[in-house]
Protein backbone atom coordinates (compact mmCIF):
# COMPACT_ATOMS: atom_id res chain seq x y z
CA MET A 1 0.00 0.18 -0.11
CA ALA A 2 1.00 3.50 -0.74
CA GLU A 3 1.88 6.05 1.49
CA ALA A 4 -0.71 9.08 1.39
CA GLY A 5 0.37 11.37 -0.95
CA THR A 6 -0.56 13.67 -4.32
CA ASN A 7 -1.09 10.19 -5.97
CA THR A 8 -3.28 8.57 -3.53
CA LYS A 9 -6.68 8.95 -2.83
CA LYS A 10 -7.34 8.71 0.90
CA LEU A 11 -10.43 7.16 2.07
CA LEU A 12 -12.07 7.30 5.72
CA LEU A 13 -13.53 3.76 6.37
CA SER A 14 -15.56 2.33 9.64
CA ASP A 15 -13.15 0.53 11.64
CA SER A 16 -15.98 -2.26 11.35
CA LEU A 17 -14.92 -3.18 7.73
CA GLY A 18 -14.31 -6.68 7.40
CA THR A 19 -10.64 -9.10 6.50
CA GLU A 20 -11.77 -9.78 3.03
CA ALA A 21 -12.52 -5.85 2.36
CA ARG A 22 -9.06 -4.87 3.83
CA ALA A 23 -7.12 -7.60 1.23
CA LEU A 24 -9.01 -5.70 -1.47
CA LEU A 25 -7.74 -2.23 -0.73
CA ALA A 26 -4.62 -3.78 -0.24
CA THR A 27 -4.12 -4.85 -3.72
CA ARG A 28 -4.17 -0.74 -4.44
CA ASP A 29 -1.51 1.72 -4.66
CA ASP A 30 -3.23 4.77 -5.47
CA ILE A 31 -5.31 4.36 -2.27
CA THR A 32 -4.39 5.57 1.44
CA PRO A 33 -7.08 4.03 4.00
CA VAL A 34 -8.29 6.01 7.15
CA TYR A 35 -9.86 4.15 10.13
CA PHE A 36 -12.36 5.76 12.28
CA PRO A 37 -14.41 4.18 15.27
CA HIS A 38 -17.73 3.13 13.86
CA LEU A 39 -20.51 4.46 16.11
CA ILE A 40 -18.43 8.01 15.96
CA PRO A 41 -20.35 10.81 17.63
CA ASN A 42 -20.97 13.10 14.25
CA ASP A 43 -18.96 15.95 15.45
CA GLU A 44 -15.66 13.76 16.17
CA PHE A 45 -16.01 12.37 12.43
CA LEU A 46 -16.30 16.05 11.31
CA GLU A 47 -13.00 17.08 13.29
CA ARG A 48 -11.81 14.00 11.55
CA VAL A 49 -12.51 15.31 8.26
CA LYS A 50 -11.24 18.46 8.16
CA ALA A 51 -7.92 16.56 9.82
CA GLU A 52 -7.40 14.50 6.91
CA ALA A 53 -8.96 17.04 4.32
CA PRO A 54 -8.86 16.25 1.27
CA VAL A 55 -11.12 12.61 1.07
CA ALA A 56 -12.14 11.25 -2.10
CA ALA A 57 -14.57 8.56 -0.16
CA TRP A 58 -15.66 7.02 3.09
CA VAL A 59 -17.41 4.02 4.14
CA LEU A 60 -20.20 4.90 7.05
CA GLY A 61 -22.31 2.72 9.52
CA ALA A 62 -24.98 5.27 11.18
CA THR A 63 -22.95 8.59 10.36
CA ARG A 64 -24.57 11.68 9.83
CA ILE A 65 -23.88 13.07 6.35
CA THR A 66 -24.47 16.83 5.80
CA PRO A 67 -23.38 19.44 3.21
CA THR A 68 -20.97 20.54 6.40
CA GLU A 69 -18.98 17.03 6.01
CA ILE A 70 -19.21 17.00 2.23
CA GLU A 71 -17.79 20.51 1.78
CA ALA A 72 -14.98 19.93 5.11
CA ALA A 73 -13.64 16.66 2.82
CA GLN A 74 -12.56 18.66 0.36
CA GLY A 75 -12.77 16.89 -2.75
CA LEU A 76 -15.44 14.16 -2.03
CA VAL A 77 -16.06 12.17 -4.62
CA LEU A 78 -18.92 9.49 -3.48
CA THR A 79 -20.16 8.51 -0.11
CA ALA A 80 -20.89 4.75 0.90
CA ARG A 81 -22.50 3.03 3.16
CA MET A 82 -22.04 0.14 4.90
CA GLY A 83 -25.93 -1.09 5.26
CA VAL A 84 -28.55 -0.68 2.72
CA GLY A 85 -30.43 2.36 4.58
CA TYR A 86 -29.48 5.95 3.77
CA ASP A 87 -31.70 8.15 6.28
CA ALA A 88 -28.83 9.61 8.10
CA ILE A 89 -27.49 11.31 4.29
CA ASP A 90 -28.47 14.08 2.75
CA VAL A 91 -29.05 12.70 -0.47
CA PRO A 92 -30.04 15.90 -2.34
CA ALA A 93 -27.19 17.57 -1.40
CA HIS A 94 -25.06 14.97 -3.02
CA THR A 95 -26.92 14.76 -5.99
CA GLU A 96 -26.95 18.71 -5.99
CA ARG A 97 -22.77 18.38 -6.15
CA GLY A 98 -23.04 15.39 -8.68
CA LEU A 99 -22.00 12.46 -5.78
CA PRO A 100 -23.69 9.46 -6.06
CA VAL A 101 -24.48 7.43 -2.55
CA MET A 102 -23.98 4.00 -2.80
CA THR A 103 -25.46 1.05 -0.50
CA ALA A 104 -24.68 -2.07 0.13
CA GLY A 105 -26.68 -3.74 -1.98
CA LEU A 106 -28.04 -7.34 -0.85
CA GLY A 107 -24.75 -7.68 1.88
CA ASN A 108 -27.14 -7.85 4.81
CA ALA A 109 -30.67 -8.65 3.09
CA PRO A 110 -30.81 -12.79 4.28
CA SER A 111 -29.81 -11.74 7.31
CA VAL A 112 -32.24 -8.73 7.75
CA ALA A 113 -34.72 -11.82 6.76
CA GLU A 114 -33.69 -14.15 9.02
CA HIS A 115 -34.10 -11.78 11.75
CA ALA A 116 -37.62 -11.18 11.07
CA VAL A 117 -38.79 -14.40 11.51
CA HIS A 118 -36.20 -15.00 14.31
CA MET A 119 -38.56 -12.11 16.23
CA MET A 120 -41.78 -13.91 14.79
CA LEU A 121 -40.80 -17.59 16.04
CA MET A 122 -40.13 -15.71 20.07
CA LEU A 123 -43.02 -14.02 19.89
CA VAL A 124 -45.06 -16.53 19.26
CA LYS A 125 -43.27 -19.67 20.54
CA LYS A 126 -43.26 -17.51 23.77
CA ALA A 127 -39.20 -18.04 24.10
CA PRO A 128 -38.32 -15.07 26.41
CA ALA A 129 -41.03 -16.56 29.07
CA LEU A 130 -39.85 -20.56 28.84
CA ASP A 131 -36.52 -19.57 29.30
CA LYS A 132 -36.71 -17.37 32.68
CA LEU A 133 -39.74 -19.86 33.43
CA VAL A 134 -36.83 -23.45 33.47
CA ARG A 135 -34.27 -20.76 34.77
CA ASP A 136 -36.76 -19.51 37.74
CA GLY A 137 -36.77 -23.62 38.71
CA ASP A 138 -40.38 -23.33 38.16
CA TRP A 139 -40.60 -26.85 34.82
CA LEU A 140 -43.61 -27.72 36.28
CA LYS A 141 -45.57 -24.57 35.36
CA ARG A 142 -44.75 -24.80 31.23
CA MET A 143 -48.52 -25.75 30.90
CA SER A 144 -49.79 -22.40 31.83
CA ILE A 145 -47.63 -20.65 29.07
CA ALA A 146 -48.76 -22.00 25.69
CA PRO A 147 -46.25 -21.23 22.37
CA GLY A 148 -48.04 -21.15 19.26
CA ASP A 149 -46.95 -21.87 15.40
CA LEU A 150 -46.87 -19.96 12.58
CA LEU A 151 -48.30 -23.09 10.56
CA GLY A 152 -51.07 -22.10 8.52
CA LYS A 153 -51.06 -18.19 9.96
CA THR A 154 -51.53 -14.95 8.13
CA VAL A 155 -48.28 -12.53 7.65
CA LEU A 156 -48.47 -9.37 6.32
CA VAL A 157 -45.38 -8.47 5.00
CA ILE A 158 -45.07 -4.56 4.35
CA GLY A 159 -42.46 -3.79 1.18
CA PHE A 160 -40.81 -5.82 -1.42
CA GLY A 161 -37.23 -5.15 -2.05
CA ARG A 162 -34.55 -7.09 -1.31
CA ILE A 163 -35.57 -8.02 2.59
CA GLY A 164 -39.30 -8.10 2.08
CA THR A 165 -38.50 -10.57 -0.88
CA ARG A 166 -36.52 -12.67 1.34
CA THR A 167 -38.73 -12.57 4.73
CA ALA A 168 -41.29 -13.39 2.62
CA LYS A 169 -39.71 -16.70 1.17
CA ARG A 170 -39.04 -17.83 4.66
CA CYS A 171 -43.13 -17.85 5.81
CA LEU A 172 -43.52 -19.62 2.89
CA ALA A 173 -40.99 -21.81 4.13
CA MET A 174 -42.71 -22.13 7.19
CA GLU A 175 -46.12 -22.73 5.48
CA MET A 176 -47.52 -19.76 5.99
CA ASP A 177 -50.50 -17.53 4.05
CA VAL A 178 -47.74 -14.82 2.86
CA ALA A 179 -49.70 -11.54 2.50
CA VAL A 180 -47.59 -8.34 0.98
CA TYR A 181 -48.23 -4.68 0.91
CA ASP A 182 -46.24 -2.67 -1.82
CA PRO A 183 -47.72 -0.26 -3.86
CA TYR A 184 -44.54 0.36 -5.68
CA VAL A 185 -44.23 -3.39 -6.97
CA ASP A 186 -46.72 -5.04 -9.84
CA ALA A 187 -48.95 -7.73 -7.97
CA ARG A 188 -47.90 -9.89 -10.88
CA ALA A 189 -44.30 -10.13 -9.51
CA ILE A 190 -45.66 -10.38 -6.01
CA GLU A 191 -48.47 -13.46 -7.34
CA ALA A 192 -45.41 -15.23 -9.08
CA ALA A 193 -43.56 -15.17 -6.04
CA GLY A 194 -46.43 -17.45 -4.38
CA CYS A 195 -47.88 -14.25 -2.42
CA ARG A 196 -50.24 -13.05 -2.25
CA ALA A 197 -50.83 -9.06 -3.06
CA VAL A 198 -53.40 -6.86 -1.18
CA SER A 199 -53.73 -3.13 -2.70
CA ASP A 200 -55.57 -2.04 0.79
CA LEU A 201 -53.30 -1.80 3.66
CA ASP A 202 -56.38 -1.10 6.28
CA GLY A 203 -58.10 -3.99 4.66
CA ALA A 204 -55.40 -5.67 4.46
CA ILE A 205 -54.55 -5.32 8.88
CA PRO A 206 -56.86 -6.99 10.57
CA ALA A 207 -56.91 -10.47 8.91
CA ALA A 208 -52.95 -10.54 9.56
CA ASP A 209 -51.43 -12.60 12.50
CA PHE A 210 -47.76 -10.98 11.83
CA ILE A 211 -47.22 -8.00 10.50
CA THR A 212 -43.61 -7.55 9.37
CA ILE A 213 -42.06 -4.36 7.95
CA HIS A 214 -39.60 -3.83 5.44
CA CYS A 215 -40.03 -0.44 4.53
CA PRO A 216 -37.44 2.48 3.44
CA LYS A 217 -38.00 5.61 6.34
CA THR A 218 -39.41 8.60 4.30
CA PRO A 219 -42.10 11.39 5.43
CA GLU A 220 -45.04 8.84 3.80
CA THR A 221 -44.35 6.17 5.86
CA LEU A 222 -43.11 7.97 9.07
CA SER A 223 -45.69 6.84 11.91
CA LEU A 224 -46.99 4.15 9.13
CA PHE A 225 -48.15 2.32 12.22
CA ASN A 226 -50.28 4.66 14.29
CA GLU A 227 -53.02 4.43 16.71
CA ALA A 228 -55.71 3.76 13.87
CA ARG A 229 -53.54 0.92 12.39
CA LEU A 230 -52.53 -0.57 15.43
CA GLY A 231 -56.71 -0.21 16.43
CA ARG A 232 -56.86 -2.47 12.94
CA MET A 233 -54.66 -5.30 14.33
CA LYS A 234 -55.80 -8.58 16.29
CA PRO A 235 -55.37 -8.94 19.62
CA THR A 236 -53.26 -11.94 19.10
CA ALA A 237 -51.29 -10.70 16.50
CA TYR A 238 -47.80 -9.41 16.69
CA LEU A 239 -46.22 -6.57 15.00
CA VAL A 240 -42.50 -6.85 13.63
CA ASN A 241 -40.04 -4.15 12.97
CA THR A 242 -36.33 -4.90 11.62
CA ALA A 243 -36.27 -1.60 9.27
CA ARG A 244 -35.99 1.33 10.86
CA GLY A 245 -37.08 3.51 14.37
CA GLY A 246 -39.79 5.86 13.32
CA LEU A 247 -42.28 3.87 11.18
CA ILE A 248 -44.05 2.38 14.30
CA ASP A 249 -45.69 5.56 16.85
CA GLU A 250 -44.23 4.40 19.97
CA ASP A 251 -46.28 5.63 22.67
CA ALA A 252 -49.73 4.04 20.20
CA LEU A 253 -47.74 0.86 20.40
CA LEU A 254 -47.08 1.27 24.11
CA ALA A 255 -50.42 1.94 24.64
CA ALA A 256 -51.67 -1.17 22.41
CA LEU A 257 -49.36 -3.79 24.24
CA LYS A 258 -50.21 -2.70 27.31
CA SER A 259 -54.11 -2.92 27.04
CA GLY A 260 -54.10 -6.46 25.44
CA ALA A 261 -55.03 -4.25 22.01
CA ILE A 262 -52.60 -6.80 20.19
CA ALA A 263 -50.53 -9.66 20.94
CA GLY A 264 -47.20 -8.58 20.88
CA ALA A 265 -44.27 -7.15 19.37
CA GLY A 266 -40.25 -7.51 18.10
CA LEU A 267 -38.32 -4.79 17.81
CA ASP A 268 -34.86 -4.59 16.60
CA VAL A 269 -34.96 -0.55 15.75
CA VAL A 270 -36.43 2.45 17.84
CA ALA A 271 -37.17 6.02 17.08
CA GLU A 272 -33.96 7.30 19.06
CA GLU A 273 -31.05 5.50 19.05
CA PRO A 274 -28.78 4.14 21.04
CA ALA A 275 -31.85 3.70 22.74
CA SER A 276 -31.99 4.23 26.75
CA ALA A 277 -32.11 1.29 29.00
CA ASP A 278 -35.80 2.74 30.64
CA HIS A 279 -37.77 2.68 27.33
CA PRO A 280 -41.35 2.04 28.54
CA LEU A 281 -41.64 -0.24 25.65
CA PHE A 282 -38.83 -2.55 27.43
CA ALA A 283 -40.43 -3.42 30.43
CA LEU A 284 -43.08 -4.89 28.93
CA ASP A 285 -42.86 -9.13 28.88
CA ASN A 286 -44.58 -8.97 25.09
CA VAL A 287 -41.71 -7.41 23.60
CA VAL A 288 -38.51 -8.29 22.84
CA VAL A 289 -35.66 -6.31 21.41
CA SER A 290 -32.48 -6.29 19.98
CA PRO A 291 -30.15 -3.12 19.15
CA HIS A 292 -30.60 -2.50 15.40
CA MET A 293 -28.34 -5.45 15.02
CA ALA A 294 -30.53 -7.64 12.07
CA GLY A 295 -29.01 -6.98 9.57
CA VAL A 296 -25.16 -7.35 11.61
CA THR A 297 -23.76 -10.57 11.16
CA ARG A 298 -20.39 -11.27 11.14
CA GLU A 299 -21.36 -12.83 7.73
CA ALA A 300 -23.25 -9.89 6.56
CA VAL A 301 -20.63 -7.61 7.53
CA ASP A 302 -18.46 -9.57 5.73
CA ARG A 303 -20.41 -9.18 2.66
CA MET A 304 -21.40 -5.42 2.83
CA SER A 305 -17.54 -4.40 3.47
CA VAL A 306 -16.31 -5.76 0.36
CA ILE A 307 -19.52 -4.84 -1.25
CA ALA A 308 -18.83 -1.18 0.05
CA ILE A 309 -15.02 -1.50 -1.75
CA GLN A 310 -16.27 -2.54 -4.18
CA ASN A 311 -18.83 0.37 -4.85
CA ILE A 312 -15.44 2.82 -4.40
CA LEU A 313 -13.88 1.31 -6.42
CA SER A 314 -15.98 0.69 -9.22
CA VAL A 315 -16.71 4.76 -9.37
CA PHE A 316 -13.40 5.82 -8.81
CA ASP A 317 -12.13 3.36 -11.94
CA GLY A 318 -15.26 4.31 -14.03
CA VAL A 319 -17.32 1.40 -13.74
CA PRO A 320 -19.99 2.74 -11.26
CA ILE A 321 -21.45 -0.20 -10.06
CA LYS A 322 -25.73 1.91 -10.60
CA GLU A 323 -27.83 -0.67 -9.57
CA ASN A 324 -26.17 0.18 -5.41
CA CYS A 325 -26.73 4.10 -6.12
CA ILE A 326 -29.55 5.66 -4.58
CA ASN A 327 -29.13 8.06 -6.60
CA PRO A 328 -27.51 7.22 -10.47
CA GLY A 329 -28.80 10.36 -12.20
CA VAL A 330 -25.21 11.98 -11.01
CA PHE A 331 -23.75 9.48 -13.22
CA ASP A 332 -25.55 10.70 -16.79
CA ALA A 333 -25.02 14.19 -15.32
CA GLY A 334 -21.92 14.32 -15.98
């Protein structure tokens, strides 16, 4: 690897970058990698950018990128995400400057899909309660807790993109009835995958035993599940969110869970992260949670790391992987 100099491009890279991706970088003598903590506070990241400028690209976790960080880089060529979400990135600011925003494509899609089904199973099988019963020495009380099955249940998958399609496939393997709501996907594509397409979300909610959310966080989907929609769910139904915090009105969810209006919820994400330990939802027995880790398995991190570096190199080499770009029009504008 070449030393930093006028002929090399400096990259700011999350220290969670996988070994295969680092090996890929090591084959290039035109790049100087600089590593920073994956969960670095935004103000510290900005100071790091200023200190390392000029910076050609970066591979980020959840770090916020605004025009301030872009200008501080003094020569940014692109932003790469080690993930698929991009709500922390000011995409219009990138587009205005002709800068692509690249995501990790399919890197973590299987992992998130598995986690969604995992949460469904934890909820219906009463895993936390049964685990506690055994650890507390209450084995003989096991018949007081009745687990359920996924077999024959109806699951409503919201969003039929890279993750939603894989979640639906796994639910079909569990012999579930899979309904899909996605107004941006042709019903024929949904039906070709063995699922039922539904066009009326409010009409589909009452029939669902499970609802799993796999759509991006946008002004349209913010508080997608509010008091009214939670009120349409069966009292025996479960709601799972492995997408983004803010898609569920958490005050309304708390009320629904405490009153028994719905049976339970599985949450990998919440509105404010990192979440406080005293978050009221975490005190409920009918909630299972994880710290935004659905797409952060060992294997997924390795896959996403490689894709992120491939994205950067493709742009540097003039053959961009456009299918991984959020704003691919920037390639045509130049």
